[in-house]
């Protein structure tokens, strides 16, 4: 079984569908209960189920939401929705009796300072230079498991995903 934080969001819904079509059992982690869903409170209280082989976290408030003002309250929501959910899953993995095989998270290319001549890789030195780059640093730090942990970690640094109006379909 896989658990998927952010499984009710745009990318999460599509990933859930693709995994289920391949025969995988997916349980979403959400603020609300529902079919094949556990809540963040459940994870905080009980950890991850013993039969979980993969944990994926795609949770995060939409940075490009045109209905939200880009003020400190919304920035705090953007940070919390990414960093706190990731910490919750990382802590649950560390505490699990039977750890999953993989912990996959998403973060952002905003960690790389724009430069027309540099080619960045995941090994490039990075320093926060604005709000979004600091968010990515904090987000990736929240996902770090102890080096001695047996769970493999994967981080995908994605660009912005422009699916703001998906709910209008």
N, C-alpha and C. Protein backbone atom coordinates (compact mmCIF):
# COMPACT_ATOMS: atom_id res chain seq x y z
N UNK A 1 0.85 -1.18 0.00
CA UNK A 1 0.00 0.00 0.00
C UNK A 1 0.89 1.24 0.00
N UNK A 2 0.43 2.27 -0.67
CA UNK A 2 1.10 3.57 -0.68
C UNK A 2 0.20 4.58 0.00
N UNK A 3 0.81 5.53 0.71
CA UNK A 3 0.02 6.64 1.20
C UNK A 3 0.50 7.90 0.50
N UNK A 4 -0.46 8.78 0.24
CA UNK A 4 -0.22 9.94 -0.59
C UNK A 4 -0.75 11.19 0.07
N UNK A 5 0.16 11.99 0.64
CA UNK A 5 -0.22 13.30 1.16
C UNK A 5 -0.52 14.22 0.00
N UNK A 6 -1.59 14.96 0.09
CA UNK A 6 -1.97 15.81 -1.03
C UNK A 6 -2.68 15.03 -2.13
N UNK A 7 -3.20 13.89 -1.79
CA UNK A 7 -3.85 13.03 -2.78
C UNK A 7 -5.15 13.58 -3.33
N UNK A 8 -5.69 14.63 -2.71
CA UNK A 8 -6.93 15.22 -3.22
C UNK A 8 -6.65 16.45 -4.09
N UNK A 9 -5.39 16.86 -4.20
CA UNK A 9 -5.02 18.00 -5.04
C UNK A 9 -4.91 17.60 -6.50
N UNK A 10 -4.57 18.56 -7.35
CA UNK A 10 -4.53 18.30 -8.79
C UNK A 10 -3.57 17.17 -9.14
N UNK A 11 -2.32 17.30 -8.76
CA UNK A 11 -1.33 16.28 -9.10
C UNK A 11 -1.65 14.98 -8.37
N UNK A 12 -2.03 15.09 -7.10
CA UNK A 12 -2.34 13.91 -6.31
C UNK A 12 -3.48 13.09 -6.87
N UNK A 13 -4.53 13.75 -7.35
CA UNK A 13 -5.67 13.03 -7.95
C UNK A 13 -5.21 12.25 -9.18
N UNK A 14 -4.40 12.88 -10.00
CA UNK A 14 -3.94 12.22 -11.22
C UNK A 14 -2.96 11.09 -10.91
N UNK A 15 -2.09 11.30 -9.93
CA UNK A 15 -1.16 10.24 -9.54
C UNK A 15 -1.92 9.06 -8.94
N UNK A 16 -2.89 9.36 -8.09
CA UNK A 16 -3.72 8.29 -7.50
C UNK A 16 -4.37 7.46 -8.59
N UNK A 17 -4.99 8.13 -9.55
CA UNK A 17 -5.66 7.42 -10.65
C UNK A 17 -4.68 6.56 -11.43
N UNK A 18 -3.51 7.11 -11.75
CA UNK A 18 -2.51 6.36 -12.52
C UNK A 18 -2.01 5.14 -11.75
N UNK A 19 -1.77 5.30 -10.45
CA UNK A 19 -1.30 4.17 -9.64
C UNK A 19 -2.38 3.10 -9.52
N UNK A 20 -3.62 3.53 -9.29
CA UNK A 20 -4.71 2.56 -9.17
C UNK A 20 -4.93 1.80 -10.47
N UNK A 21 -4.78 2.48 -11.60
CA UNK A 21 -4.92 1.81 -12.89
C UNK A 21 -3.83 0.75 -13.09
N UNK A 22 -2.70 0.93 -12.42
CA UNK A 22 -1.61 -0.05 -12.49
C UNK A 22 -1.76 -1.13 -11.42
N UNK A 23 -2.84 -1.05 -10.62
CA UNK A 23 -3.11 -2.08 -9.63
C UNK A 23 -2.61 -1.80 -8.23
N UNK A 24 -2.10 -0.60 -7.97
CA UNK A 24 -1.60 -0.26 -6.64
C UNK A 24 -2.74 0.21 -5.75
N UNK A 25 -2.65 -0.13 -4.46
CA UNK A 25 -3.60 0.38 -3.48
C UNK A 25 -3.04 1.69 -2.94
N UNK A 26 -3.83 2.75 -3.04
CA UNK A 26 -3.41 4.08 -2.61
C UNK A 26 -4.36 4.58 -1.55
N UNK A 27 -3.80 5.03 -0.44
CA UNK A 27 -4.58 5.68 0.60
C UNK A 27 -4.13 7.14 0.66
N UNK A 28 -5.08 8.05 0.51
CA UNK A 28 -4.77 9.47 0.54
C UNK A 28 -4.72 9.95 1.99
N UNK A 29 -3.88 10.95 2.23
CA UNK A 29 -3.84 11.63 3.52
C UNK A 29 -4.43 13.01 3.27
N UNK A 30 -5.45 13.37 4.06
CA UNK A 30 -6.15 14.63 3.82
C UNK A 30 -6.61 15.21 5.15
N UNK A 31 -7.05 16.46 5.11
CA UNK A 31 -7.64 17.07 6.31
C UNK A 31 -9.01 16.45 6.60
N UNK A 32 -9.67 15.95 5.56
CA UNK A 32 -11.02 15.41 5.70
C UNK A 32 -11.03 13.90 5.50
N UNK A 33 -11.96 13.24 6.15
CA UNK A 33 -12.10 11.79 5.98
C UNK A 33 -12.83 11.50 4.68
N UNK A 34 -12.69 10.28 4.21
CA UNK A 34 -13.36 9.86 2.99
C UNK A 34 -12.92 8.47 2.62
N UNK A 35 -13.43 7.95 1.50
CA UNK A 35 -13.02 6.61 1.06
C UNK A 35 -11.52 6.57 0.78
N UNK A 36 -10.89 5.50 1.20
CA UNK A 36 -9.44 5.31 0.98
C UNK A 36 -8.63 6.52 1.45
N UNK A 37 -9.05 7.10 2.57
CA UNK A 37 -8.41 8.31 3.09
C UNK A 37 -8.18 8.18 4.59
N UNK A 38 -7.02 8.64 5.03
CA UNK A 38 -6.77 8.84 6.45
C UNK A 38 -6.43 10.31 6.64
N UNK A 39 -6.62 10.81 7.84
CA UNK A 39 -6.40 12.23 8.08
C UNK A 39 -5.00 12.49 8.62
N UNK A 40 -4.58 13.74 8.51
CA UNK A 40 -3.29 14.14 9.08
C UNK A 40 -3.29 13.90 10.58
N UNK A 41 -4.44 14.10 11.22
CA UNK A 41 -4.54 13.82 12.67
C UNK A 41 -4.29 12.34 12.95
N UNK A 42 -4.82 11.46 12.08
CA UNK A 42 -4.58 10.02 12.22
C UNK A 42 -3.09 9.71 12.15
N UNK A 43 -2.40 10.32 11.20
CA UNK A 43 -0.96 10.09 11.04
C UNK A 43 -0.22 10.59 12.28
N UNK A 44 -0.59 11.78 12.75
CA UNK A 44 0.06 12.32 13.96
C UNK A 44 -0.16 11.42 15.17
N UNK A 45 -1.36 10.87 15.27
CA UNK A 45 -1.70 10.06 16.44
C UNK A 45 -1.18 8.63 16.34
N UNK A 46 -1.36 8.00 15.18
CA UNK A 46 -1.09 6.56 15.03
C UNK A 46 0.10 6.22 14.15
N UNK A 47 0.68 7.20 13.47
CA UNK A 47 1.77 6.91 12.54
C UNK A 47 1.23 6.33 11.24
N UNK A 48 2.12 5.74 10.47
CA UNK A 48 1.70 5.14 9.20
C UNK A 48 1.42 3.66 9.42
N UNK A 49 0.46 3.11 8.68
CA UNK A 49 0.16 1.68 8.82
C UNK A 49 1.38 0.82 8.49
N UNK A 50 1.44 -0.35 9.11
CA UNK A 50 2.59 -1.25 8.92
C UNK A 50 2.73 -1.77 7.50
N UNK A 51 1.64 -1.81 6.73
CA UNK A 51 1.74 -2.39 5.39
C UNK A 51 2.07 -1.36 4.30
N UNK A 52 2.48 -0.16 4.69
CA UNK A 52 2.82 0.88 3.73
C UNK A 52 4.22 0.63 3.18
N UNK A 53 4.34 0.58 1.86
CA UNK A 53 5.65 0.39 1.23
C UNK A 53 6.19 1.68 0.62
N UNK A 54 5.31 2.65 0.37
CA UNK A 54 5.74 3.93 -0.21
C UNK A 54 4.93 5.07 0.39
N UNK A 55 5.63 6.15 0.70
CA UNK A 55 4.99 7.37 1.19
C UNK A 55 5.36 8.48 0.21
N UNK A 56 4.35 9.18 -0.28
CA UNK A 56 4.55 10.27 -1.23
C UNK A 56 3.87 11.50 -0.65
N UNK A 57 4.55 12.64 -0.66
CA UNK A 57 3.89 13.86 -0.21
C UNK A 57 3.90 14.92 -1.31
N UNK A 58 2.70 15.26 -1.74
CA UNK A 58 2.48 16.31 -2.73
C UNK A 58 1.67 17.46 -2.14
N UNK A 59 1.46 17.44 -0.82
CA UNK A 59 0.58 18.42 -0.17
C UNK A 59 1.15 19.83 -0.27
N UNK A 60 0.27 20.78 -0.45
CA UNK A 60 0.67 22.18 -0.45
C UNK A 60 -0.40 23.06 -1.05
N UNK A 61 -0.63 24.19 -0.39
CA UNK A 61 -1.58 25.17 -0.91
C UNK A 61 -1.09 25.70 -2.26
N UNK A 62 -2.02 26.01 -3.14
CA UNK A 62 -1.70 26.49 -4.48
C UNK A 62 -1.03 27.86 -4.41
N UNK A 63 0.22 27.93 -4.80
CA UNK A 63 0.95 29.20 -4.79
C UNK A 63 0.36 30.19 -5.78
N UNK A 64 -0.22 29.70 -6.85
CA UNK A 64 -0.72 30.56 -7.93
C UNK A 64 -2.22 30.79 -7.86
N UNK A 65 -2.83 30.61 -6.70
CA UNK A 65 -4.27 30.77 -6.56
C UNK A 65 -4.67 32.23 -6.79
N UNK A 66 -5.39 32.53 -7.86
CA UNK A 66 -5.74 33.91 -8.15
C UNK A 66 -6.80 34.47 -7.19
N UNK A 67 -7.38 33.62 -6.38
CA UNK A 67 -8.41 34.07 -5.45
C UNK A 67 -7.83 34.42 -4.08
N UNK A 68 -6.53 34.29 -3.92
CA UNK A 68 -5.87 34.58 -2.64
C UNK A 68 -4.95 35.78 -2.79
N UNK A 69 -4.94 36.62 -1.77
CA UNK A 69 -4.00 37.74 -1.74
C UNK A 69 -2.65 37.23 -1.28
N UNK A 70 -1.60 37.70 -1.88
CA UNK A 70 -0.24 37.27 -1.54
C UNK A 70 0.22 38.10 -0.34
N UNK A 71 -0.40 37.83 0.82
CA UNK A 71 -0.05 38.54 2.05
C UNK A 71 0.62 37.57 3.02
N UNK A 72 0.99 38.05 4.20
CA UNK A 72 1.71 37.20 5.15
C UNK A 72 0.87 36.01 5.59
N UNK A 73 -0.41 36.20 5.77
CA UNK A 73 -1.27 35.08 6.19
C UNK A 73 -1.26 33.96 5.14
N UNK A 74 -1.34 34.34 3.87
CA UNK A 74 -1.33 33.31 2.83
C UNK A 74 0.05 32.69 2.68
N UNK A 75 1.09 33.48 2.81
CA UNK A 75 2.45 32.93 2.79
C UNK A 75 2.62 31.91 3.91
N UNK A 76 2.10 32.23 5.10
CA UNK A 76 2.17 31.29 6.22
C UNK A 76 1.44 29.99 5.90
N UNK A 77 0.29 30.11 5.23
CA UNK A 77 -0.47 28.92 4.83
C UNK A 77 0.32 28.08 3.82
N UNK A 78 0.95 28.74 2.86
CA UNK A 78 1.75 28.05 1.85
C UNK A 78 2.89 27.29 2.52
N UNK A 79 3.58 27.94 3.47
CA UNK A 79 4.68 27.29 4.17
C UNK A 79 4.18 26.12 5.00
N UNK A 80 3.18 26.36 5.83
CA UNK A 80 2.66 25.31 6.72
C UNK A 80 2.15 24.11 5.95
N UNK A 81 1.45 24.36 4.85
CA UNK A 81 0.85 23.26 4.08
C UNK A 81 1.91 22.36 3.45
N UNK A 82 3.11 22.85 3.31
CA UNK A 82 4.20 22.05 2.75
C UNK A 82 5.12 21.50 3.84
N UNK A 83 5.62 22.40 4.66
CA UNK A 83 6.63 22.02 5.65
C UNK A 83 6.04 21.13 6.74
N UNK A 84 4.90 21.51 7.28
CA UNK A 84 4.33 20.73 8.39
C UNK A 84 3.85 19.35 7.95
N UNK A 85 3.23 19.27 6.78
CA UNK A 85 2.79 17.95 6.31
C UNK A 85 3.99 17.05 6.03
N UNK A 86 5.04 17.62 5.49
CA UNK A 86 6.24 16.84 5.21
C UNK A 86 6.89 16.36 6.50
N UNK A 87 6.97 17.25 7.51
CA UNK A 87 7.51 16.86 8.82
C UNK A 87 6.68 15.74 9.43
N UNK A 88 5.37 15.86 9.32
CA UNK A 88 4.48 14.84 9.88
C UNK A 88 4.78 13.47 9.28
N UNK A 89 4.91 13.41 7.96
CA UNK A 89 5.20 12.13 7.32
C UNK A 89 6.61 11.64 7.63
N UNK A 90 7.58 12.53 7.64
CA UNK A 90 8.96 12.13 7.96
C UNK A 90 9.04 11.58 9.37
N UNK A 91 8.40 12.24 10.32
CA UNK A 91 8.40 11.76 11.71
C UNK A 91 7.70 10.41 11.82
N UNK A 92 6.61 10.24 11.08
CA UNK A 92 5.89 8.96 11.11
C UNK A 92 6.75 7.84 10.53
N UNK A 93 7.51 8.14 9.50
CA UNK A 93 8.40 7.13 8.91
C UNK A 93 9.49 6.74 9.90
N UNK A 94 10.10 7.74 10.52
CA UNK A 94 11.17 7.46 11.49
C UNK A 94 10.65 6.63 12.65
N UNK A 95 9.41 6.88 13.07
CA UNK A 95 8.81 6.17 14.21
C UNK A 95 8.22 4.81 13.85
N UNK A 96 8.10 4.51 12.57
CA UNK A 96 7.40 3.28 12.17
C UNK A 96 8.21 2.04 12.51
N UNK A 97 7.48 0.99 12.92
CA UNK A 97 8.12 -0.30 13.23
C UNK A 97 8.62 -0.96 11.95
N UNK A 98 7.82 -0.84 10.90
CA UNK A 98 8.19 -1.39 9.59
C UNK A 98 8.23 -0.21 8.61
N UNK A 99 9.42 0.34 8.37
CA UNK A 99 9.48 1.53 7.53
C UNK A 99 9.14 1.22 6.07
N UNK A 100 8.59 2.21 5.37
CA UNK A 100 8.34 2.02 3.94
C UNK A 100 9.67 1.92 3.20
N UNK A 101 9.59 1.46 1.97
CA UNK A 101 10.80 1.34 1.15
C UNK A 101 11.25 2.70 0.61
N UNK A 102 10.27 3.60 0.38
CA UNK A 102 10.61 4.89 -0.24
C UNK A 102 9.74 6.01 0.32
N UNK A 103 10.35 7.19 0.43
CA UNK A 103 9.66 8.42 0.81
C UNK A 103 9.94 9.42 -0.30
N UNK A 104 8.91 9.72 -1.09
CA UNK A 104 9.06 10.64 -2.23
C UNK A 104 8.35 11.95 -1.92
N UNK A 105 9.06 13.04 -2.13
CA UNK A 105 8.49 14.35 -1.90
C UNK A 105 8.73 15.22 -3.13
N UNK A 106 7.96 16.28 -3.20
CA UNK A 106 8.13 17.25 -4.27
C UNK A 106 8.59 18.55 -3.61
N UNK A 107 9.40 19.30 -4.29
CA UNK A 107 9.75 20.65 -3.84
C UNK A 107 9.83 21.51 -5.10
N UNK A 108 10.64 22.55 -5.08
CA UNK A 108 10.58 23.46 -6.21
C UNK A 108 11.93 23.90 -6.75
N UNK A 109 11.93 24.27 -8.01
CA UNK A 109 13.14 24.79 -8.64
C UNK A 109 13.44 26.22 -8.19
N UNK A 110 12.56 26.81 -7.39
CA UNK A 110 12.81 28.15 -6.87
C UNK A 110 14.03 28.19 -5.96
N UNK A 111 14.56 27.03 -5.61
CA UNK A 111 15.77 26.97 -4.81
C UNK A 111 16.97 27.50 -5.60
N UNK A 112 16.88 27.47 -6.92
CA UNK A 112 17.98 27.92 -7.78
C UNK A 112 17.79 29.39 -8.14
N UNK A 113 18.76 30.22 -7.81
CA UNK A 113 18.68 31.64 -8.14
C UNK A 113 18.75 31.80 -9.66
N UNK A 114 17.83 32.56 -10.24
CA UNK A 114 17.85 32.73 -11.69
C UNK A 114 19.22 33.24 -12.18
N UNK A 115 19.74 32.57 -13.19
CA UNK A 115 21.03 32.94 -13.75
C UNK A 115 21.04 32.46 -15.20
N UNK A 116 21.26 33.36 -16.14
CA UNK A 116 21.17 32.98 -17.55
C UNK A 116 22.33 32.11 -18.04
N UNK A 117 23.38 31.97 -17.25
CA UNK A 117 24.53 31.20 -17.73
C UNK A 117 24.80 29.93 -16.94
N UNK A 118 24.34 29.84 -15.71
CA UNK A 118 24.61 28.65 -14.90
C UNK A 118 23.66 27.51 -15.26
N UNK A 119 24.18 26.31 -15.20
CA UNK A 119 23.35 25.11 -15.30
C UNK A 119 23.38 24.45 -13.93
N UNK A 120 22.22 24.35 -13.31
CA UNK A 120 22.13 23.79 -11.96
C UNK A 120 21.87 22.29 -12.02
N UNK A 121 22.35 21.60 -10.99
CA UNK A 121 22.02 20.20 -10.77
C UNK A 121 21.61 20.06 -9.31
N UNK A 122 21.15 18.88 -8.93
CA UNK A 122 20.78 18.66 -7.54
C UNK A 122 21.98 18.78 -6.60
N UNK A 123 23.19 18.76 -7.14
CA UNK A 123 24.39 18.89 -6.31
C UNK A 123 24.89 20.33 -6.22
N UNK A 124 24.25 21.26 -6.91
CA UNK A 124 24.67 22.66 -6.89
C UNK A 124 24.48 23.25 -5.50
N UNK A 125 25.43 24.11 -5.10
CA UNK A 125 25.27 24.84 -3.84
C UNK A 125 24.12 25.83 -4.01
N UNK A 126 23.27 25.87 -3.01
CA UNK A 126 22.13 26.79 -3.06
C UNK A 126 22.02 27.53 -1.74
N UNK A 127 21.60 28.77 -1.83
CA UNK A 127 21.33 29.59 -0.65
C UNK A 127 20.01 30.30 -0.89
N UNK A 128 19.19 30.39 0.16
CA UNK A 128 17.92 31.11 -0.02
C UNK A 128 18.18 32.57 -0.38
N UNK A 129 17.41 33.08 -1.32
CA UNK A 129 17.57 34.46 -1.76
C UNK A 129 16.24 35.22 -1.75
N UNK A 130 15.12 34.52 -1.52
CA UNK A 130 13.82 35.17 -1.44
C UNK A 130 12.84 34.22 -0.73
N UNK A 131 11.59 34.60 -0.66
CA UNK A 131 10.59 33.80 0.06
C UNK A 131 10.50 32.38 -0.48
N UNK A 132 10.37 32.23 -1.80
CA UNK A 132 10.17 30.89 -2.37
C UNK A 132 11.40 30.01 -2.22
N UNK A 133 12.58 30.58 -2.36
CA UNK A 133 13.79 29.76 -2.19
C UNK A 133 13.93 29.31 -0.73
N UNK A 134 13.58 30.19 0.21
CA UNK A 134 13.61 29.79 1.63
C UNK A 134 12.56 28.71 1.90
N UNK A 135 11.40 28.83 1.27
CA UNK A 135 10.37 27.80 1.40
C UNK A 135 10.91 26.44 0.95
N UNK A 136 11.58 26.40 -0.20
CA UNK A 136 12.09 25.13 -0.71
C UNK A 136 13.15 24.56 0.23
N UNK A 137 14.04 25.40 0.74
CA UNK A 137 15.06 24.93 1.69
C UNK A 137 14.38 24.32 2.92
N UNK A 138 13.41 25.02 3.48
CA UNK A 138 12.71 24.52 4.68
C UNK A 138 11.92 23.25 4.37
N UNK A 139 11.30 23.20 3.21
CA UNK A 139 10.50 22.06 2.78
C UNK A 139 11.37 20.81 2.64
N UNK A 140 12.51 20.97 1.97
CA UNK A 140 13.41 19.83 1.80
C UNK A 140 14.03 19.40 3.13
N UNK A 141 14.32 20.36 4.00
CA UNK A 141 14.86 20.03 5.32
C UNK A 141 13.84 19.23 6.12
N UNK A 142 12.58 19.58 6.01
CA UNK A 142 11.51 18.87 6.74
C UNK A 142 11.43 17.40 6.32
N UNK A 143 11.83 17.10 5.10
CA UNK A 143 11.74 15.73 4.58
C UNK A 143 12.92 14.86 4.96
N UNK A 144 13.99 15.46 5.46
CA UNK A 144 15.21 14.70 5.71
C UNK A 144 15.00 13.64 6.78
N UNK A 145 15.34 12.42 6.42
CA UNK A 145 15.36 11.31 7.37
C UNK A 145 16.80 11.14 7.84
N UNK A 146 17.00 10.52 9.00
CA UNK A 146 18.38 10.26 9.43
C UNK A 146 19.13 9.46 8.36
N UNK A 147 20.40 9.77 8.18
CA UNK A 147 21.19 9.07 7.15
C UNK A 147 21.21 7.57 7.36
N UNK A 148 21.08 7.15 8.60
CA UNK A 148 21.13 5.71 8.91
C UNK A 148 19.80 5.01 8.62
N UNK A 149 18.78 5.76 8.28
CA UNK A 149 17.46 5.16 8.06
C UNK A 149 17.45 4.35 6.77
N UNK A 150 16.72 3.25 6.78
CA UNK A 150 16.70 2.34 5.63
C UNK A 150 15.78 2.80 4.50
N UNK A 151 14.93 3.76 4.75
CA UNK A 151 13.98 4.24 3.74
C UNK A 151 14.71 5.11 2.71
N UNK A 152 14.55 4.77 1.45
CA UNK A 152 15.16 5.56 0.37
C UNK A 152 14.37 6.85 0.20
N UNK A 153 15.09 7.96 -0.01
CA UNK A 153 14.43 9.24 -0.20
C UNK A 153 14.58 9.73 -1.63
N UNK A 154 13.48 10.27 -2.15
CA UNK A 154 13.47 10.84 -3.50
C UNK A 154 12.82 12.21 -3.40
N UNK A 155 13.48 13.23 -3.96
CA UNK A 155 12.90 14.57 -4.01
C UNK A 155 12.86 15.03 -5.46
N UNK A 156 11.69 15.43 -5.90
CA UNK A 156 11.52 15.97 -7.25
C UNK A 156 11.40 17.48 -7.12
N UNK A 157 12.30 18.21 -7.76
CA UNK A 157 12.22 19.67 -7.77
C UNK A 157 11.49 20.10 -9.03
N UNK A 158 10.27 20.50 -8.84
CA UNK A 158 9.39 20.83 -9.96
C UNK A 158 9.28 22.34 -10.14
N UNK A 159 8.96 22.74 -11.35
CA UNK A 159 8.57 24.12 -11.59
C UNK A 159 7.12 24.30 -11.17
N UNK A 160 6.60 25.50 -11.30
CA UNK A 160 5.20 25.74 -10.96
C UNK A 160 4.30 24.89 -11.84
N UNK A 161 3.24 24.40 -11.24
CA UNK A 161 2.26 23.59 -11.97
C UNK A 161 1.04 24.47 -12.21
N UNK A 162 0.76 24.77 -13.46
CA UNK A 162 -0.28 25.72 -13.82
C UNK A 162 -1.61 25.03 -14.09
N UNK A 163 -2.26 24.63 -13.04
CA UNK A 163 -3.55 23.98 -13.18
C UNK A 163 -4.55 24.66 -12.25
N UNK A 164 -4.52 25.96 -12.23
CA UNK A 164 -5.33 26.75 -11.32
C UNK A 164 -6.81 26.49 -11.51
N UNK A 165 -7.26 26.32 -12.74
CA UNK A 165 -8.68 26.23 -13.02
C UNK A 165 -9.15 24.80 -13.27
N UNK A 166 -8.42 23.82 -12.79
CA UNK A 166 -8.81 22.42 -12.98
C UNK A 166 -10.21 22.14 -12.45
N UNK A 167 -10.60 22.83 -11.36
CA UNK A 167 -11.91 22.57 -10.78
C UNK A 167 -13.06 23.09 -11.64
N UNK A 168 -12.78 23.80 -12.71
CA UNK A 168 -13.84 24.30 -13.58
C UNK A 168 -14.24 23.29 -14.65
N UNK A 169 -13.47 22.21 -14.78
CA UNK A 169 -13.76 21.21 -15.83
C UNK A 169 -15.00 20.43 -15.51
